[in-house]
Amino acid sequence: MKHLRKHLLLILLFGTLIGLQETIIGSFDFQLRPVVLSTFTLLLLMAARYSIRSKGSSILVILIAVLFKINTIGVQSCDTNVLLCGPTALFLLGLNFEIFSGLFTSALSFRPIQAIKICLFTAFVSFAMFGLMNTFILMTWETETLFRYILVSASLTLFLSGGLSVFMLILAEEYQDTLHQGEKFQTAFRNMAKIIIFSLWILGTVSSFQ
């Protein structure tokens, strides 16, 4: 029961943080926005999966992120810029991350090379699915945009998210004992996480009425 409460808290925390960065960074208009958003999302999903090594946890994290984004800015049309079309791209990223992390990792094994494989397949499959949807279903993209989105944006996302994930996993393994020692530290972390989650959801709800 104690582990269940801890896992639920971590799911809420990482999901809220993903939704927050999607909302804040997504509000700016710049060329590499899809790459930056996807990189941070994959990095936070990787951190969540490293902390909660249970199948299905990444889907729960991304669902919280989607709900946070909808609660804060609502659902926007996909004829706007790339990752500001509501929760579609975000959900695809989380769904594919869950699939490939389930294929390449286990509860006992989470190595840097596995993280790179997850980022590789998640980035290219997610970007391809989202690009094909915009090109052939919604008819809002030209074929040239589709190929540039997959070949350039997905490649940059793989490079950044893969590199940062490897660095994060190395640090996590190095300081694993320090992070898990002491009941006082664990209690302080849980209390801080609850405050962050509560505060961000309140701020997001309030901002949606403005």
Protein backbone atom coordinates (compact mmCIF):
# COMPACT_ATOMS: atom_id res chain seq x y z
CA MET A 1 0.00 0.00 0.00
CA LYS A 2 2.87 2.34 0.80
CA HIS A 3 4.48 1.69 -2.60
CA LEU A 4 1.12 2.24 -4.31
CA ARG A 5 0.71 5.67 -2.71
CA LYS A 6 4.29 6.56 -3.66
CA HIS A 7 3.74 5.49 -7.26
CA LEU A 8 0.49 7.43 -7.53
CA LEU A 9 2.20 10.54 -6.18
CA LEU A 10 5.04 10.18 -8.70
CA ILE A 11 2.55 9.66 -11.55
CA LEU A 12 0.72 12.84 -10.56
CA LEU A 13 3.98 14.75 -10.17
CA PHE A 14 5.56 13.77 -13.50
CA GLY A 15 2.26 14.09 -15.35
CA THR A 16 1.74 17.58 -13.96
CA LEU A 17 5.30 18.63 -14.86
CA ILE A 18 4.87 17.37 -18.43
CA GLY A 19 1.57 19.21 -18.75
CA LEU A 20 3.16 22.36 -17.33
CA GLN A 21 6.08 22.42 -19.76
CA GLU A 22 3.72 21.65 -22.65
CA THR A 23 1.56 24.60 -21.64
CA ILE A 24 4.38 27.09 -21.03
CA ILE A 25 6.79 26.22 -23.85
CA GLY A 26 3.91 25.55 -26.22
CA SER A 27 2.66 29.10 -25.78
CA PHE A 28 5.76 30.43 -27.58
CA ASP A 29 6.04 30.39 -31.35
CA PHE A 30 9.48 29.29 -32.58
CA GLN A 31 10.74 26.91 -35.24
CA LEU A 32 12.02 24.10 -33.04
CA ARG A 33 9.04 24.06 -30.68
CA PRO A 34 8.04 20.43 -31.50
CA VAL A 35 11.60 19.29 -30.82
CA VAL A 36 11.90 21.13 -27.50
CA LEU A 37 8.46 20.01 -26.28
CA SER A 38 9.01 16.38 -27.26
CA THR A 39 12.52 16.31 -25.79
CA PHE A 40 11.37 17.52 -22.36
CA THR A 41 8.36 15.20 -22.46
CA LEU A 42 10.52 12.17 -23.27
CA LEU A 43 13.02 13.13 -20.57
CA LEU A 44 10.29 13.39 -17.92
CA LEU A 45 8.69 10.15 -19.12
CA MET A 46 12.09 8.48 -18.84
CA ALA A 47 12.54 9.79 -15.28
CA ALA A 48 9.06 8.57 -14.37
CA ARG A 49 9.66 5.12 -15.86
CA TYR A 50 12.99 4.83 -14.07
CA SER A 51 11.22 5.64 -10.78
CA ILE A 52 8.10 3.53 -11.45
CA ARG A 53 9.12 0.38 -13.30
CA SER A 54 5.61 -0.88 -13.87
CA LYS A 55 3.91 -1.50 -17.18
CA GLY A 56 1.18 1.03 -17.89
CA SER A 57 2.68 3.74 -15.67
CA SER A 58 3.74 5.89 -18.64
CA ILE A 59 0.19 5.91 -19.99
CA LEU A 60 -1.10 7.12 -16.62
CA VAL A 61 1.58 9.83 -16.53
CA ILE A 62 0.70 11.07 -20.03
CA LEU A 63 -3.04 11.01 -19.27
CA ILE A 64 -2.41 13.30 -16.29
CA ALA A 65 -0.35 15.56 -18.57
CA VAL A 66 -3.13 15.65 -21.17
CA LEU A 67 -5.72 16.49 -18.50
CA PHE A 68 -3.48 19.25 -17.13
CA LYS A 69 -3.04 20.74 -20.59
CA ILE A 70 -6.77 20.60 -21.35
CA ASN A 71 -7.60 22.03 -17.93
CA THR A 72 -5.20 24.93 -18.52
CA ILE A 73 -5.59 25.89 -22.19
CA GLY A 74 -8.38 23.69 -23.53
CA VAL A 75 -8.42 21.69 -26.78
CA GLN A 76 -7.11 23.54 -29.83
CA SER A 77 -7.60 22.73 -33.48
CA CYS A 78 -4.92 20.75 -35.34
CA ASP A 79 -4.82 23.34 -38.10
CA THR A 80 -2.74 25.50 -35.77
CA ASN A 81 0.99 25.00 -35.26
CA VAL A 82 2.41 21.56 -34.63
CA LEU A 83 2.17 20.68 -30.94
CA LEU A 84 -0.46 23.28 -30.06
CA CYS A 85 -3.29 21.16 -31.48
CA GLY A 86 -4.52 19.88 -28.15
CA PRO A 87 -3.53 16.57 -26.59
CA THR A 88 -3.13 14.50 -29.78
CA ALA A 89 0.64 14.68 -30.24
CA LEU A 90 1.25 14.49 -26.50
CA PHE A 91 -0.84 11.33 -26.17
CA LEU A 92 0.88 9.69 -29.16
CA LEU A 93 4.26 10.37 -27.58
CA GLY A 94 3.19 8.82 -24.28
CA LEU A 95 1.51 5.84 -25.94
CA ASN A 96 4.56 4.97 -28.02
CA PHE A 97 6.88 5.53 -25.07
CA GLU A 98 4.84 3.02 -23.06
CA ILE A 99 4.99 0.47 -25.88
CA PHE A 100 8.73 0.73 -26.50
CA SER A 101 9.76 1.05 -22.86
CA GLY A 102 7.79 -2.13 -22.23
CA LEU A 103 9.69 -3.84 -25.07
CA PHE A 104 13.19 -2.65 -24.19
CA THR A 105 13.24 -2.48 -20.39
CA SER A 106 12.20 -4.49 -17.37
CA ALA A 107 11.80 -3.92 -13.65
CA LEU A 108 15.38 -5.10 -13.14
CA SER A 109 17.05 -3.62 -16.21
CA PHE A 110 17.18 0.04 -17.24
CA ARG A 111 20.47 0.86 -18.95
CA PRO A 112 21.50 3.87 -21.11
CA ILE A 113 21.47 1.82 -24.31
CA GLN A 114 17.87 0.87 -23.59
CA ALA A 115 16.99 4.55 -23.10
CA ILE A 116 18.46 5.38 -26.52
CA LYS A 117 16.40 2.62 -28.17
CA ILE A 118 13.24 3.91 -26.48
CA CYS A 119 13.91 7.49 -27.63
CA LEU A 120 14.75 6.31 -31.16
CA PHE A 121 11.55 4.37 -31.76
CA THR A 122 9.28 6.67 -29.77
CA ALA A 123 10.46 9.81 -31.57
CA PHE A 124 10.24 8.46 -35.12
CA VAL A 125 6.99 6.51 -34.72
CA SER A 126 5.24 9.36 -32.86
CA PHE A 127 6.37 12.04 -35.30
CA ALA A 128 5.42 9.82 -38.25
CA MET A 129 1.93 9.11 -36.86
CA PHE A 130 1.27 12.77 -36.08
CA GLY A 131 2.65 13.91 -39.43
CA LEU A 132 0.61 11.36 -41.40
CA MET A 133 -2.51 12.42 -39.52
CA ASN A 134 -1.97 16.07 -40.43
CA THR A 135 -1.07 15.28 -44.05
CA PHE A 136 -3.55 12.62 -45.12
CA ILE A 137 -6.44 12.82 -42.62
CA LEU A 138 -6.70 16.50 -41.69
CA MET A 139 -5.18 17.64 -45.00
CA THR A 140 -3.40 20.58 -43.34
CA TRP A 141 0.19 19.72 -44.30
CA GLU A 142 2.02 19.38 -47.60
CA THR A 143 4.09 16.24 -48.23
CA GLU A 144 7.27 18.31 -47.97
CA THR A 145 6.29 19.39 -44.45
CA LEU A 146 5.65 15.77 -43.51
CA PHE A 147 9.10 14.58 -44.60
CA ARG A 148 10.84 17.53 -42.95
CA TYR A 149 8.91 16.90 -39.74
CA ILE A 150 9.89 13.23 -39.61
CA LEU A 151 13.46 13.41 -40.89
CA VAL A 152 14.59 16.64 -39.21
CA SER A 153 12.41 17.18 -36.12
CA ALA A 154 12.31 13.51 -35.10
CA SER A 155 16.08 13.17 -35.58
CA LEU A 156 16.79 16.24 -33.44
CA THR A 157 14.39 14.94 -30.78
CA LEU A 158 16.17 11.58 -30.76
CA PHE A 159 19.59 13.21 -30.45
CA LEU A 160 18.58 15.56 -27.61
CA SER A 161 16.30 13.24 -25.63
CA GLY A 162 18.63 10.26 -26.03
CA GLY A 163 21.69 12.20 -24.89
CA LEU A 164 19.94 13.83 -21.95
CA SER A 165 18.33 10.54 -20.90
CA VAL A 166 21.69 8.76 -20.84
CA PHE A 167 23.18 11.58 -18.77
CA MET A 168 20.19 11.46 -16.38
CA LEU A 169 20.41 7.68 -15.94
CA ILE A 170 24.14 7.83 -15.23
CA LEU A 171 23.55 10.46 -12.54
CA ALA A 172 20.64 8.49 -11.10
CA GLU A 173 22.74 5.35 -10.78
CA GLU A 174 25.62 7.33 -9.27
CA TYR A 175 23.50 8.97 -6.58
CA GLN A 176 20.86 6.26 -6.15
CA ASP A 177 21.79 5.44 -2.56
CA THR A 178 21.83 9.12 -1.59
CA LEU A 179 18.40 9.74 -3.10
CA HIS A 180 16.78 6.82 -1.27
CA GLN A 181 18.35 7.14 2.14
CA GLY A 182 16.65 8.61 5.17
CA GLU A 183 12.98 8.67 6.12
CA LYS A 184 13.16 12.43 6.68
CA PHE A 185 14.25 13.00 3.08
CA GLN A 186 11.46 10.76 1.76
CA THR A 187 8.86 12.54 3.87
CA ALA A 188 10.10 15.97 2.80
CA PHE A 189 10.02 14.90 -0.86
CA ARG A 190 6.45 13.60 -0.59
CA ASN A 191 5.25 16.79 1.09
CA MET A 192 7.00 18.99 -1.46
CA ALA A 193 5.56 16.95 -4.34
CA LYS A 194 2.03 17.31 -2.95
CA ILE A 195 2.45 21.09 -2.63
CA ILE A 196 3.79 21.37 -6.20
CA ILE A 197 0.99 19.26 -7.66
CA PHE A 198 -1.77 21.09 -5.77
CA SER A 199 -0.38 24.55 -6.55
CA LEU A 200 0.12 23.92 -10.27
CA TRP A 201 -3.36 22.48 -10.76
CA ILE A 202 -4.91 25.44 -8.92
CA LEU A 203 -2.90 27.91 -11.01
CA GLY A 204 -3.80 26.05 -14.21
CA THR A 205 -7.49 26.06 -13.34
CA VAL A 206 -7.47 29.75 -12.49
CA SER A 207 -5.60 30.65 -15.69
CA SER A 208 -8.18 28.82 -17.80
CA PHE A 209 -10.83 31.35 -16.76
CA GLN A 210 -8.78 34.36 -17.84
